[in-house]
Amino acid sequence: MNDHYVLRATAAGMLALIAGTVSATPPSHTSLGATFKIVSEGRDNIIEIRLRPTASFDTVDVEAGSGVQSFTPPCAFSAVEAGGAYSCQVSVAAKRKHPSFTLNVIGTKAVDPEKPRIVEVHHFTVPNAQFAPPSATRSRQPIPSLVTSPSKDNTK
């Protein structure tokens, strides 16, 4: 009988441990305060990137990610101060065969010269307005059809 209570207490403890682990939220870093806005869509997409940093960064770069054919003009900031407001607009031509494209905002800062630099990265994925999904190809295999045989009652 005591073994039953020990087993139940152990199971309850394990359940509480698992529930605590599952409900924990992963750490997130949003010191850059990076946001983006689609100004115009089409063959060239105009994207506005805004920064409202809560910490200082040595450099912040906006880079082309996946699905980007061309990206102009370059967008980068140096000596980014906490509490400041920074923005730039870029023209992005997406690859036609990609349903979306990605812009990466990368902030770096050195806290201690003897330690690695701290890097904060944000990825913005934007739908590609020029994407045309490939048309379904017609199968060359015959499609089986439902074969019905007349019932004995219908054969006259």
Foldseek 3Di string as FASTA:
>chain_A
DVVVVVVVVVVVVVVVVVVVVVPDDDDADCQFVWDKDFPDADQKTKMKIKTQGQAWFQKKFKDWFPQWPDKDDGDMDGGGHHRDMDMDIMITGGDQQDQKTKIKIKTWHDPDPVDDIDIDIDIDIGGHPNHDHDDDDDDPDDDDDDDDDDDPVPDD
